[in-house]
N, C-alpha and C. Protein backbone atom coordinates (compact mmCIF):
# COMPACT_ATOMS: atom_id res chain seq x y z
N UNK A 1 1.45 -11.91 -3.60
CA UNK A 1 2.39 -10.92 -4.09
C UNK A 1 1.63 -9.69 -4.56
N UNK A 2 2.19 -8.54 -4.34
CA UNK A 2 1.56 -7.29 -4.75
C UNK A 2 1.78 -7.05 -6.24
N UNK A 3 0.73 -6.56 -6.91
CA UNK A 3 0.89 -6.21 -8.31
C UNK A 3 1.61 -4.87 -8.39
N UNK A 4 2.41 -4.71 -9.41
CA UNK A 4 3.22 -3.50 -9.56
C UNK A 4 2.51 -2.52 -10.48
N UNK A 5 1.47 -1.89 -9.95
CA UNK A 5 0.69 -0.93 -10.72
C UNK A 5 0.55 0.37 -9.93
N UNK A 6 0.16 1.42 -10.63
CA UNK A 6 -0.09 2.71 -9.97
C UNK A 6 -1.21 2.58 -8.94
N UNK A 7 -2.18 1.72 -9.21
CA UNK A 7 -3.29 1.52 -8.28
C UNK A 7 -2.79 0.97 -6.94
N UNK A 8 -1.87 0.01 -7.00
CA UNK A 8 -1.29 -0.55 -5.77
C UNK A 8 -0.53 0.52 -5.00
N UNK A 9 0.22 1.35 -5.71
CA UNK A 9 0.96 2.44 -5.08
C UNK A 9 -0.01 3.40 -4.38
N UNK A 10 -1.11 3.73 -5.05
CA UNK A 10 -2.11 4.62 -4.45
C UNK A 10 -2.75 3.99 -3.22
N UNK A 11 -3.01 2.66 -3.26
CA UNK A 11 -3.59 1.99 -2.10
C UNK A 11 -2.65 2.03 -0.90
N UNK A 12 -1.35 1.84 -1.14
CA UNK A 12 -0.38 1.91 -0.05
C UNK A 12 -0.31 3.33 0.51
N UNK A 13 -0.29 4.32 -0.39
CA UNK A 13 -0.25 5.72 0.05
C UNK A 13 -1.48 6.06 0.89
N UNK A 14 -2.67 5.62 0.45
CA UNK A 14 -3.90 5.89 1.19
C UNK A 14 -3.90 5.19 2.55
N UNK A 15 -3.38 3.98 2.60
CA UNK A 15 -3.28 3.25 3.87
C UNK A 15 -2.39 4.02 4.84
N UNK A 16 -1.26 4.50 4.36
CA UNK A 16 -0.35 5.25 5.22
C UNK A 16 -0.96 6.58 5.66
N UNK A 17 -1.66 7.25 4.76
CA UNK A 17 -2.31 8.51 5.11
C UNK A 17 -3.39 8.30 6.16
N UNK A 18 -4.16 7.22 6.03
CA UNK A 18 -5.19 6.91 7.02
C UNK A 18 -4.57 6.62 8.39
N UNK A 19 -3.35 6.08 8.38
CA UNK A 19 -2.66 5.76 9.63
C UNK A 19 -1.94 6.97 10.21
N UNK A 20 -2.05 8.13 9.53
CA UNK A 20 -1.47 9.35 10.07
C UNK A 20 -0.09 9.69 9.54
N UNK A 21 0.35 9.01 8.51
CA UNK A 21 1.66 9.29 7.92
C UNK A 21 1.49 10.20 6.71
N UNK A 22 2.48 11.03 6.48
CA UNK A 22 2.50 11.90 5.31
C UNK A 22 3.54 11.34 4.35
N UNK A 23 3.16 11.13 3.09
CA UNK A 23 4.06 10.59 2.09
C UNK A 23 4.44 11.72 1.13
N UNK A 24 5.75 11.94 0.98
CA UNK A 24 6.23 12.98 0.07
C UNK A 24 7.21 12.38 -0.91
N UNK A 25 7.18 12.89 -2.13
CA UNK A 25 8.12 12.47 -3.16
C UNK A 25 9.11 13.59 -3.39
N UNK A 26 10.38 13.31 -3.13
CA UNK A 26 11.43 14.32 -3.21
C UNK A 26 12.63 13.75 -3.94
N UNK A 27 13.46 14.64 -4.45
CA UNK A 27 14.73 14.21 -5.02
C UNK A 27 15.77 14.24 -3.93
N UNK A 28 16.80 13.45 -4.11
CA UNK A 28 17.85 13.42 -3.11
C UNK A 28 18.80 12.27 -3.35
N UNK A 29 19.75 12.13 -2.48
CA UNK A 29 20.75 11.07 -2.59
C UNK A 29 20.29 9.90 -1.71
N UNK A 30 19.37 9.11 -2.22
CA UNK A 30 18.79 8.00 -1.46
C UNK A 30 19.57 6.72 -1.74
N UNK A 31 19.80 5.95 -0.70
CA UNK A 31 20.36 4.62 -0.89
C UNK A 31 19.24 3.60 -1.06
N UNK A 32 18.06 3.95 -0.59
CA UNK A 32 16.88 3.10 -0.75
C UNK A 32 15.81 3.92 -1.44
N UNK A 33 14.68 3.30 -1.71
CA UNK A 33 13.60 3.99 -2.40
C UNK A 33 12.81 4.92 -1.52
N UNK A 34 12.82 4.70 -0.19
CA UNK A 34 12.04 5.53 0.73
C UNK A 34 12.64 5.43 2.12
N UNK A 35 12.30 6.42 2.95
CA UNK A 35 12.75 6.39 4.34
C UNK A 35 11.71 7.05 5.23
N UNK A 36 11.67 6.60 6.47
CA UNK A 36 10.79 7.17 7.48
C UNK A 36 11.64 8.07 8.35
N UNK A 37 11.28 9.35 8.41
CA UNK A 37 12.06 10.28 9.21
C UNK A 37 11.82 9.99 10.69
N UNK A 38 12.88 9.95 11.47
CA UNK A 38 12.78 9.63 12.88
C UNK A 38 11.89 10.60 13.62
N UNK A 39 11.15 10.07 14.58
CA UNK A 39 10.29 10.85 15.46
C UNK A 39 9.27 11.72 14.73
N UNK A 40 8.92 11.32 13.53
CA UNK A 40 7.87 12.04 12.81
C UNK A 40 7.08 11.02 12.01
N UNK A 41 6.01 11.46 11.48
CA UNK A 41 5.18 10.57 10.66
C UNK A 41 5.31 10.97 9.20
N UNK A 42 6.54 11.23 8.78
CA UNK A 42 6.84 11.66 7.42
C UNK A 42 7.64 10.57 6.71
N UNK A 43 7.16 10.17 5.55
CA UNK A 43 7.87 9.20 4.73
C UNK A 43 8.29 9.93 3.46
N UNK A 44 9.57 9.86 3.16
CA UNK A 44 10.10 10.51 1.97
C UNK A 44 10.49 9.42 0.96
N UNK A 45 9.95 9.56 -0.25
CA UNK A 45 10.18 8.58 -1.31
C UNK A 45 11.00 9.26 -2.40
N UNK A 46 11.97 8.53 -2.93
CA UNK A 46 12.77 9.05 -4.03
C UNK A 46 11.89 9.16 -5.27
N UNK A 47 11.66 10.38 -5.75
CA UNK A 47 10.75 10.58 -6.86
C UNK A 47 11.31 10.07 -8.18
N UNK A 48 12.60 9.79 -8.23
CA UNK A 48 13.21 9.28 -9.46
C UNK A 48 13.24 7.75 -9.51
N UNK A 49 12.80 7.09 -8.46
CA UNK A 49 12.74 5.62 -8.46
C UNK A 49 11.63 5.17 -9.39
N UNK A 50 11.80 3.96 -9.91
CA UNK A 50 10.74 3.43 -10.76
C UNK A 50 9.59 2.91 -9.89
N UNK A 51 8.49 2.57 -10.52
CA UNK A 51 7.27 2.16 -9.82
C UNK A 51 7.51 0.95 -8.91
N UNK A 52 8.26 -0.02 -9.39
CA UNK A 52 8.53 -1.23 -8.61
C UNK A 52 9.25 -0.90 -7.31
N UNK A 53 10.26 -0.06 -7.38
CA UNK A 53 11.05 0.31 -6.19
C UNK A 53 10.18 1.10 -5.21
N UNK A 54 9.34 1.99 -5.72
CA UNK A 54 8.46 2.77 -4.85
C UNK A 54 7.52 1.85 -4.08
N UNK A 55 6.90 0.90 -4.78
CA UNK A 55 5.97 -0.02 -4.13
C UNK A 55 6.70 -0.90 -3.13
N UNK A 56 7.83 -1.44 -3.51
CA UNK A 56 8.59 -2.31 -2.60
C UNK A 56 9.04 -1.56 -1.36
N UNK A 57 9.51 -0.33 -1.54
CA UNK A 57 10.00 0.45 -0.42
C UNK A 57 8.88 0.81 0.56
N UNK A 58 7.74 1.27 0.02
CA UNK A 58 6.62 1.63 0.89
C UNK A 58 6.03 0.39 1.57
N UNK A 59 5.95 -0.71 0.85
CA UNK A 59 5.43 -1.95 1.45
C UNK A 59 6.34 -2.42 2.58
N UNK A 60 7.64 -2.30 2.38
CA UNK A 60 8.59 -2.69 3.44
C UNK A 60 8.41 -1.81 4.67
N UNK A 61 8.20 -0.51 4.47
CA UNK A 61 7.96 0.38 5.61
C UNK A 61 6.65 0.02 6.31
N UNK A 62 5.62 -0.35 5.55
CA UNK A 62 4.35 -0.76 6.15
C UNK A 62 4.56 -2.02 6.99
N UNK A 63 5.34 -2.96 6.47
CA UNK A 63 5.56 -4.21 7.19
C UNK A 63 6.37 -4.01 8.47
N UNK A 64 7.27 -3.04 8.49
CA UNK A 64 8.14 -2.87 9.64
C UNK A 64 7.64 -1.81 10.63
N UNK A 65 6.60 -1.09 10.26
CA UNK A 65 6.06 -0.03 11.11
C UNK A 65 4.78 -0.50 11.77
N UNK A 66 4.64 -0.22 13.05
CA UNK A 66 3.40 -0.55 13.76
C UNK A 66 2.34 0.49 13.41
N UNK A 67 1.25 0.03 12.85
CA UNK A 67 0.15 0.91 12.46
C UNK A 67 -1.06 0.57 13.32
N UNK A 68 -1.70 1.58 13.85
CA UNK A 68 -2.91 1.39 14.64
C UNK A 68 -4.04 0.95 13.71
N UNK A 69 -4.43 -0.30 13.83
CA UNK A 69 -5.41 -0.87 12.92
C UNK A 69 -6.80 -0.28 13.11
N UNK A 70 -7.04 0.40 14.23
CA UNK A 70 -8.34 1.02 14.47
C UNK A 70 -8.58 2.20 13.52
N UNK A 71 -7.50 2.76 12.97
CA UNK A 71 -7.62 3.90 12.07
C UNK A 71 -7.98 3.50 10.64
N UNK A 72 -7.94 2.19 10.35
CA UNK A 72 -8.15 1.72 8.98
C UNK A 72 -9.58 1.20 8.80
N UNK A 73 -10.13 1.39 7.60
CA UNK A 73 -11.43 0.81 7.30
C UNK A 73 -11.22 -0.67 6.92
N UNK A 74 -12.31 -1.37 6.60
CA UNK A 74 -12.22 -2.82 6.37
C UNK A 74 -11.31 -3.17 5.20
N UNK A 75 -11.45 -2.45 4.08
CA UNK A 75 -10.64 -2.74 2.91
C UNK A 75 -9.17 -2.46 3.18
N UNK A 76 -8.89 -1.35 3.86
CA UNK A 76 -7.52 -1.01 4.18
C UNK A 76 -6.92 -2.01 5.16
N UNK A 77 -7.71 -2.48 6.10
CA UNK A 77 -7.24 -3.47 7.06
C UNK A 77 -6.88 -4.78 6.35
N UNK A 78 -7.72 -5.20 5.41
CA UNK A 78 -7.44 -6.42 4.65
C UNK A 78 -6.17 -6.25 3.81
N UNK A 79 -6.01 -5.08 3.20
CA UNK A 79 -4.81 -4.80 2.40
C UNK A 79 -3.57 -4.75 3.30
N UNK A 80 -3.70 -4.14 4.47
CA UNK A 80 -2.61 -4.08 5.45
C UNK A 80 -2.17 -5.49 5.84
N UNK A 81 -3.13 -6.36 6.12
CA UNK A 81 -2.79 -7.72 6.50
C UNK A 81 -2.15 -8.48 5.34
N UNK A 82 -2.60 -8.18 4.11
CA UNK A 82 -1.98 -8.80 2.93
C UNK A 82 -0.52 -8.37 2.81
N UNK A 83 -0.25 -7.09 3.02
CA UNK A 83 1.13 -6.59 2.94
C UNK A 83 1.98 -7.22 4.04
N UNK A 84 1.44 -7.32 5.24
CA UNK A 84 2.18 -7.90 6.36
C UNK A 84 2.57 -9.36 6.07
N UNK A 85 1.73 -10.06 5.34
CA UNK A 85 1.98 -11.48 5.07
C UNK A 85 2.77 -11.72 3.79
N UNK A 86 2.90 -10.70 2.96
CA UNK A 86 3.56 -10.86 1.67
C UNK A 86 5.07 -10.66 1.83
N UNK A 87 5.81 -11.59 1.31
CA UNK A 87 7.26 -11.46 1.27
C UNK A 87 7.61 -11.01 -0.15
N UNK A 88 8.15 -9.81 -0.27
CA UNK A 88 8.46 -9.26 -1.59
C UNK A 88 9.72 -9.88 -2.16
N UNK A 89 9.71 -10.08 -3.45
CA UNK A 89 10.89 -10.59 -4.14
C UNK A 89 11.78 -9.41 -4.52
N UNK A 90 12.95 -9.33 -3.97
CA UNK A 90 13.85 -8.22 -4.28
C UNK A 90 14.86 -8.61 -5.33
């Protein structure tokens, strides 16, 4: 299970950035904590969500999105595989 800390959030953001995605925090009328804009590599996160929702939302996007593992270093690859195998408690 992922720890719910700012460090974990930063690790997920760095993993996504290394994979070519841009993570932005914006206000808006979100039904979820984050969304991936179609046909782009932009992820928009609700900036008013709490830390737990931000981590859960980004981790869910990582699990459902195909990421080129060649773009990740060893630590990021291990973290990516941990996220892929982790089932979050909602």
